[in-house]
Amino acid sequence: MHALADERPGAEIKALAGHRGWYRLRVGDWRVLYLSDPPGIVIDRIVNRRDLERALATLP
């Protein structure tokens, strides 16, 4: 979460294809799915990498 707050370069952040404004932060085996909603972010869920595809299917 500090990587998101500090906007560290090199943080493992990736935009989610097909989900405008949504991003994924990789932390070991865990993925943080969040919506970039200026002036901040909204963390939607934290999932294990094996459950990522199922979680992506339920995003708006």
PDB file of N, CA and C in Angstrom:
ATOM      1  N   MET A   1       0.821  -1.186   0.000  1.00  0.00           N
ATOM      2  CA  MET A   1       0.000   0.000   0.000  1.00  0.00           C
ATOM      3  C   MET A   1       0.868   1.255   0.000  1.00  0.00           C
ATOM      4  N   HIS A   2       2.043   1.156   0.590  1.00  0.00           N
ATOM      5  CA  HIS A   2       2.934   2.312   0.596  1.00  0.00           C
ATOM      6  C   HIS A   2       3.361   2.679  -0.827  1.00  0.00           C
ATOM      7  N   ALA A   3       3.511   1.665  -1.691  1.00  0.00           N
ATOM      8  CA  ALA A   3       3.894   1.940  -3.078  1.00  0.00           C
ATOM      9  C   ALA A   3       2.823   2.764  -3.776  1.00  0.00           C
ATOM     10  N   LEU A   4       1.560   2.514  -3.468  1.00  0.00           N
ATOM     11  CA  LEU A   4       0.485   3.302  -4.060  1.00  0.00           C
ATOM     12  C   LEU A   4       0.488   4.724  -3.515  1.00  0.00           C
ATOM     13  N   ALA A   5       0.629   4.847  -2.220  1.00  0.00           N
ATOM     14  CA  ALA A   5       0.586   6.159  -1.579  1.00  0.00           C
ATOM     15  C   ALA A   5       1.768   7.030  -2.011  1.00  0.00           C
ATOM     16  N   ASP A   6       2.938   6.417  -2.115  1.00  0.00           N
ATOM     17  CA  ASP A   6       4.149   7.165  -2.455  1.00  0.00           C
ATOM     18  C   ASP A   6       4.353   7.302  -3.955  1.00  0.00           C
ATOM     19  N   GLU A   7       3.549   6.576  -4.754  1.00  0.00           N
ATOM     20  CA  GLU A   7       3.713   6.542  -6.206  1.00  0.00           C
ATOM     21  C   GLU A   7       5.157   6.223  -6.575  1.00  0.00           C
ATOM     22  N   ARG A   8       5.686   5.184  -5.968  1.00  0.00           N
ATOM     23  CA  ARG A   8       7.067   4.784  -6.205  1.00  0.00           C
ATOM     24  C   ARG A   8       7.263   4.311  -7.639  1.00  0.00           C
ATOM     25  N   PRO A   9       8.310   4.789  -8.284  1.00  0.00           N
ATOM     26  CA  PRO A   9       8.603   4.246  -9.619  1.00  0.00           C
ATOM     27  C   PRO A   9       9.070   2.813  -9.451  1.00  0.00           C
ATOM     28  N   GLY A  10       8.766   1.898 -10.208  1.00  0.00           N
ATOM     29  CA  GLY A  10       9.196   0.515 -10.026  1.00  0.00           C
ATOM     30  C   GLY A  10       8.192  -0.316  -9.246  1.00  0.00           C
ATOM     31  N   ALA A  11       7.138   0.305  -8.750  1.00  0.00           N
ATOM     32  CA  ALA A  11       6.084  -0.469  -8.114  1.00  0.00           C
ATOM     33  C   ALA A  11       5.461  -1.331  -9.199  1.00  0.00           C
ATOM     34  N   GLU A  12       5.058  -2.510  -8.863  1.00  0.00           N
ATOM     35  CA  GLU A  12       4.521  -3.452  -9.852  1.00  0.00           C
ATOM     36  C   GLU A  12       3.052  -3.152 -10.120  1.00  0.00           C
ATOM     37  N   ILE A  13       2.804  -2.039 -10.789  1.00  0.00           N
ATOM     38  CA  ILE A  13       1.447  -1.583 -11.084  1.00  0.00           C
ATOM     39  C   ILE A  13       1.181  -1.741 -12.576  1.00  0.00           C
ATOM     40  N   LYS A  14      -0.013  -2.241 -12.902  1.00  0.00           N
ATOM     41  CA  LYS A  14      -0.364  -2.469 -14.299  1.00  0.00           C
ATOM     42  C   LYS A  14      -1.828  -2.071 -14.507  1.00  0.00           C
ATOM     43  N   ALA A  15      -2.105  -1.372 -15.604  1.00  0.00           N
ATOM     44  CA  ALA A  15      -3.489  -1.042 -15.963  1.00  0.00           C
ATOM     45  C   ALA A  15      -4.190  -2.321 -16.410  1.00  0.00           C
ATOM     46  N   LEU A  16      -5.459  -2.458 -16.048  1.00  0.00           N
ATOM     47  CA  LEU A  16      -6.223  -3.646 -16.424  1.00  0.00           C
ATOM     48  C   LEU A  16      -6.906  -3.419 -17.765  1.00  0.00           C
ATOM     49  N   ALA A  17      -6.578  -4.260 -18.723  1.00  0.00           N
ATOM     50  CA  ALA A  17      -7.163  -4.157 -20.064  1.00  0.00           C
ATOM     51  C   ALA A  17      -8.667  -4.405 -19.993  1.00  0.00           C
ATOM     52  N   GLY A  18      -9.418  -3.545 -20.643  1.00  0.00           N
ATOM     53  CA  GLY A  18     -10.863  -3.702 -20.679  1.00  0.00           C
ATOM     54  C   GLY A  18     -11.594  -3.138 -19.483  1.00  0.00           C
ATOM     55  N   HIS A  19     -10.851  -2.559 -18.550  1.00  0.00           N
ATOM     56  CA  HIS A  19     -11.449  -1.977 -17.344  1.00  0.00           C
ATOM     57  C   HIS A  19     -10.862  -0.583 -17.143  1.00  0.00           C
ATOM     58  N   ARG A  20     -11.457   0.388 -17.787  1.00  0.00           N
ATOM     59  CA  ARG A  20     -10.938   1.754 -17.772  1.00  0.00           C
ATOM     60  C   ARG A  20     -10.836   2.308 -16.348  1.00  0.00           C
ATOM     61  N   GLY A  21      -9.659   2.796 -15.989  1.00  0.00           N
ATOM     62  CA  GLY A  21      -9.426   3.392 -14.685  1.00  0.00           C
ATOM     63  C   GLY A  21      -9.024   2.403 -13.600  1.00  0.00           C
ATOM     64  N   TRP A  22      -9.066   1.104 -13.905  1.00  0.00           N
ATOM     65  CA  TRP A  22      -8.715   0.071 -12.931  1.00  0.00           C
ATOM     66  C   TRP A  22      -7.257  -0.345 -13.092  1.00  0.00           C
ATOM     67  N   TYR A  23      -6.619  -0.630 -11.951  1.00  0.00           N
ATOM     68  CA  TYR A  23      -5.209  -1.020 -11.940  1.00  0.00           C
ATOM     69  C   TYR A  23      -5.009  -2.202 -11.015  1.00  0.00           C
ATOM     70  N   ARG A  24      -3.867  -2.860 -11.189  1.00  0.00           N
ATOM     71  CA  ARG A  24      -3.489  -4.000 -10.370  1.00  0.00           C
ATOM     72  C   ARG A  24      -2.093  -3.752  -9.806  1.00  0.00           C
ATOM     73  N   LEU A  25      -1.952  -3.918  -8.507  1.00  0.00           N
ATOM     74  CA  LEU A  25      -0.645  -3.845  -7.847  1.00  0.00           C
ATOM     75  C   LEU A  25      -0.267  -5.252  -7.432  1.00  0.00           C
ATOM     76  N   ARG A  26       0.919  -5.695  -7.825  1.00  0.00           N
ATOM     77  CA  ARG A  26       1.390  -7.037  -7.472  1.00  0.00           C
ATOM     78  C   ARG A  26       2.246  -6.956  -6.225  1.00  0.00           C
ATOM     79  N   VAL A  27       1.891  -7.788  -5.237  1.00  0.00           N
ATOM     80  CA  VAL A  27       2.654  -7.876  -3.989  1.00  0.00           C
ATOM     81  C   VAL A  27       2.825  -9.363  -3.682  1.00  0.00           C
ATOM     82  N   GLY A  28       3.936  -9.937  -4.122  1.00  0.00           N
ATOM     83  CA  GLY A  28       4.150 -11.372  -3.931  1.00  0.00           C
ATOM     84  C   GLY A  28       3.078 -12.159  -4.665  1.00  0.00           C
ATOM     85  N   ASP A  29       2.384 -13.047  -3.946  1.00  0.00           N
ATOM     86  CA  ASP A  29       1.303 -13.846  -4.533  1.00  0.00           C
ATOM     87  C   ASP A  29      -0.037 -13.134  -4.491  1.00  0.00           C
ATOM     88  N   TRP A  30      -0.068 -11.908  -4.014  1.00  0.00           N
ATOM     89  CA  TRP A  30      -1.320 -11.165  -3.859  1.00  0.00           C
ATOM     90  C   TRP A  30      -1.438 -10.054  -4.887  1.00  0.00           C
ATOM     91  N   ARG A  31      -2.675  -9.739  -5.257  1.00  0.00           N
ATOM     92  CA  ARG A  31      -2.961  -8.670  -6.206  1.00  0.00           C
ATOM     93  C   ARG A  31      -3.957  -7.713  -5.568  1.00  0.00           C
ATOM     94  N   VAL A  32      -3.652  -6.430  -5.630  1.00  0.00           N
ATOM     95  CA  VAL A  32      -4.540  -5.386  -5.126  1.00  0.00           C
ATOM     96  C   VAL A  32      -5.208  -4.757  -6.340  1.00  0.00           C
ATOM     97  N   LEU A  33      -6.525  -4.838  -6.408  1.00  0.00           N
ATOM     98  CA  LEU A  33      -7.276  -4.253  -7.514  1.00  0.00           C
ATOM     99  C   LEU A  33      -7.856  -2.939  -7.030  1.00  0.00           C
ATOM    100  N   TYR A  34      -7.551  -1.865  -7.751  1.00  0.00           N
ATOM    101  CA  TYR A  34      -8.013  -0.557  -7.306  1.00  0.00           C
ATOM    102  C   TYR A  34      -8.414   0.312  -8.478  1.00  0.00           C
ATOM    103  N   LEU A  35      -9.256   1.277  -8.169  1.00  0.00           N
ATOM    104  CA  LEU A  35      -9.749   2.244  -9.140  1.00  0.00           C
ATOM    105  C   LEU A  35      -9.075   3.576  -8.865  1.00  0.00           C
ATOM    106  N   SER A  36      -8.473   4.145  -9.880  1.00  0.00           N
ATOM    107  CA  SER A  36      -7.860   5.462  -9.748  1.00  0.00           C
ATOM    108  C   SER A  36      -8.969   6.493  -9.918  1.00  0.00           C
ATOM    109  N   ASP A  37      -9.303   7.161  -8.829  1.00  0.00           N
ATOM    110  CA  ASP A  37     -10.408   8.120  -8.811  1.00  0.00           C
ATOM    111  C   ASP A  37      -9.884   9.413  -8.193  1.00  0.00           C
ATOM    112  N   PRO A  38      -9.268  10.285  -9.028  1.00  0.00           N
ATOM    113  CA  PRO A  38      -8.658  11.499  -8.481  1.00  0.00           C
ATOM    114  C   PRO A  38      -9.612  12.260  -7.581  1.00  0.00           C
ATOM    115  N   PRO A  39      -9.164  12.715  -6.458  1.00  0.00           N
ATOM    116  CA  PRO A  39      -7.779  12.930  -6.053  1.00  0.00           C
ATOM    117  C   PRO A  39      -7.157  11.759  -5.306  1.00  0.00           C
ATOM    118  N   GLY A  40      -7.731  10.574  -5.335  1.00  0.00           N
ATOM    119  CA  GLY A  40      -7.169   9.438  -4.613  1.00  0.00           C
ATOM    120  C   GLY A  40      -7.428   8.134  -5.343  1.00  0.00           C
ATOM    121  N   ILE A  41      -7.365   7.051  -4.584  1.00  0.00           N
ATOM    122  CA  ILE A  41      -7.641   5.733  -5.139  1.00  0.00           C
ATOM    123  C   ILE A  41      -8.663   5.043  -4.257  1.00  0.00           C
ATOM    124  N   VAL A  42      -9.361   4.076  -4.853  1.00  0.00           N
ATOM    125  CA  VAL A  42     -10.330   3.275  -4.122  1.00  0.00           C
ATOM    126  C   VAL A  42      -9.905   1.819  -4.280  1.00  0.00           C
ATOM    127  N   ILE A  43      -9.479   1.185  -3.190  1.00  0.00           N
ATOM    128  CA  ILE A  43      -9.088  -0.217  -3.234  1.00  0.00           C
ATOM    129  C   ILE A  43     -10.356  -1.046  -3.186  1.00  0.00           C
ATOM    130  N   ASP A  44     -10.550  -1.877  -4.203  1.00  0.00           N
ATOM    131  CA  ASP A  44     -11.757  -2.686  -4.299  1.00  0.00           C
ATOM    132  C   ASP A  44     -11.586  -4.029  -3.602  1.00  0.00           C
ATOM    133  N   ARG A  45     -10.471  -4.700  -3.884  1.00  0.00           N
ATOM    134  CA  ARG A  45     -10.254  -6.005  -3.262  1.00  0.00           C
ATOM    135  C   ARG A  45      -8.797  -6.418  -3.355  1.00  0.00           C
ATOM    136  N   ILE A  46      -8.443  -7.359  -2.502  1.00  0.00           N
ATOM    137  CA  ILE A  46      -7.116  -7.959  -2.496  1.00  0.00           C
ATOM    138  C   ILE A  46      -7.344  -9.453  -2.680  1.00  0.00           C
ATOM    139  N   VAL A  47      -6.750 -10.025  -3.728  1.00  0.00           N
ATOM    140  CA  VAL A  47      -6.981 -11.432  -4.046  1.00  0.00           C
ATOM    141  C   VAL A  47      -5.657 -12.155  -4.254  1.00  0.00           C
ATOM    142  N   ASN A  48      -5.684 -13.458  -4.057  1.00  0.00           N
ATOM    143  CA  ASN A  48      -4.536 -14.281  -4.376  1.00  0.00           C
ATOM    144  C   ASN A  48      -4.430 -14.365  -5.885  1.00  0.00           C
ATOM    145  N   ARG A  49      -3.231 -14.500  -6.396  1.00  0.00           N
ATOM    146  CA  ARG A  49      -3.028 -14.479  -7.851  1.00  0.00           C
ATOM    147  C   ARG A  49      -3.809 -15.574  -8.555  1.00  0.00           C
ATOM    148  N   ARG A  50      -4.050 -16.696  -7.896  1.00  0.00           N
ATOM    149  CA  ARG A  50      -4.797 -17.783  -8.544  1.00  0.00           C
ATOM    150  C   ARG A  50      -6.268 -17.429  -8.738  1.00  0.00           C
ATOM    151  N   ASP A  51      -6.770 -16.431  -8.012  1.00  0.00           N
ATOM    152  CA  ASP A  51      -8.165 -16.014  -8.117  1.00  0.00           C
ATOM    153  C   ASP A  51      -8.343 -14.729  -8.921  1.00  0.00           C
ATOM    154  N   LEU A  52      -7.283 -14.253  -9.550  1.00  0.00           N
ATOM    155  CA  LEU A  52      -7.329 -12.967 -10.244  1.00  0.00           C
ATOM    156  C   LEU A  52      -8.332 -12.953 -11.390  1.00  0.00           C
ATOM    157  N   GLU A  53      -8.331 -13.967 -12.230  1.00  0.00           N
ATOM    158  CA  GLU A  53      -9.234 -13.984 -13.386  1.00  0.00           C
ATOM    159  C   GLU A  53     -10.701 -13.943 -12.939  1.00  0.00           C
ATOM    160  N   ARG A  54     -11.039 -14.662 -11.899  1.00  0.00           N
ATOM    161  CA  ARG A  54     -12.409 -14.660 -11.383  1.00  0.00           C
ATOM    162  C   ARG A  54     -12.770 -13.281 -10.836  1.00  0.00           C
ATOM    163  N   ALA A  55     -11.837 -12.631 -10.159  1.00  0.00           N
ATOM    164  CA  ALA A  55     -12.082 -11.298  -9.607  1.00  0.00           C
ATOM    165  C   ALA A  55     -12.263 -10.275 -10.729  1.00  0.00           C
ATOM    166  N   LEU A  56     -11.475 -10.391 -11.792  1.00  0.00           N
ATOM    167  CA  LEU A  56     -11.577  -9.460 -12.916  1.00  0.00           C
ATOM    168  C   LEU A  56     -12.943  -9.573 -13.612  1.00  0.00           C
ATOM    169  N   ALA A  57     -13.483 -10.765 -13.641  1.00  0.00           N
ATOM    170  CA  ALA A  57     -14.776 -10.977 -14.299  1.00  0.00           C
ATOM    171  C   ALA A  57     -15.909 -10.276 -13.581  1.00  0.00           C
ATOM    172  N   THR A  58     -15.722  -9.927 -12.309  1.00  0.00           N
ATOM    173  CA  THR A  58     -16.791  -9.282 -11.543  1.00  0.00           C
ATOM    174  C   THR A  58     -16.617  -7.778 -11.426  1.00  0.00           C
ATOM    175  N   LEU A  59     -15.548  -7.223 -12.027  1.00  0.00           N
ATOM    176  CA  LEU A  59     -15.362  -5.777 -11.980  1.00  0.00           C
ATOM    177  C   LEU A  59     -16.372  -5.069 -12.896  1.00  0.00           C
ATOM    178  N   PRO A  60     -16.789  -3.862 -12.499  1.00  0.00           N
ATOM    179  CA  PRO A  60     -17.707  -3.116 -13.370  1.00  0.00           C
ATOM    180  C   PRO A  60     -17.037  -2.636 -14.637  1.00  0.00           C
TER     181      PRO A  60
END
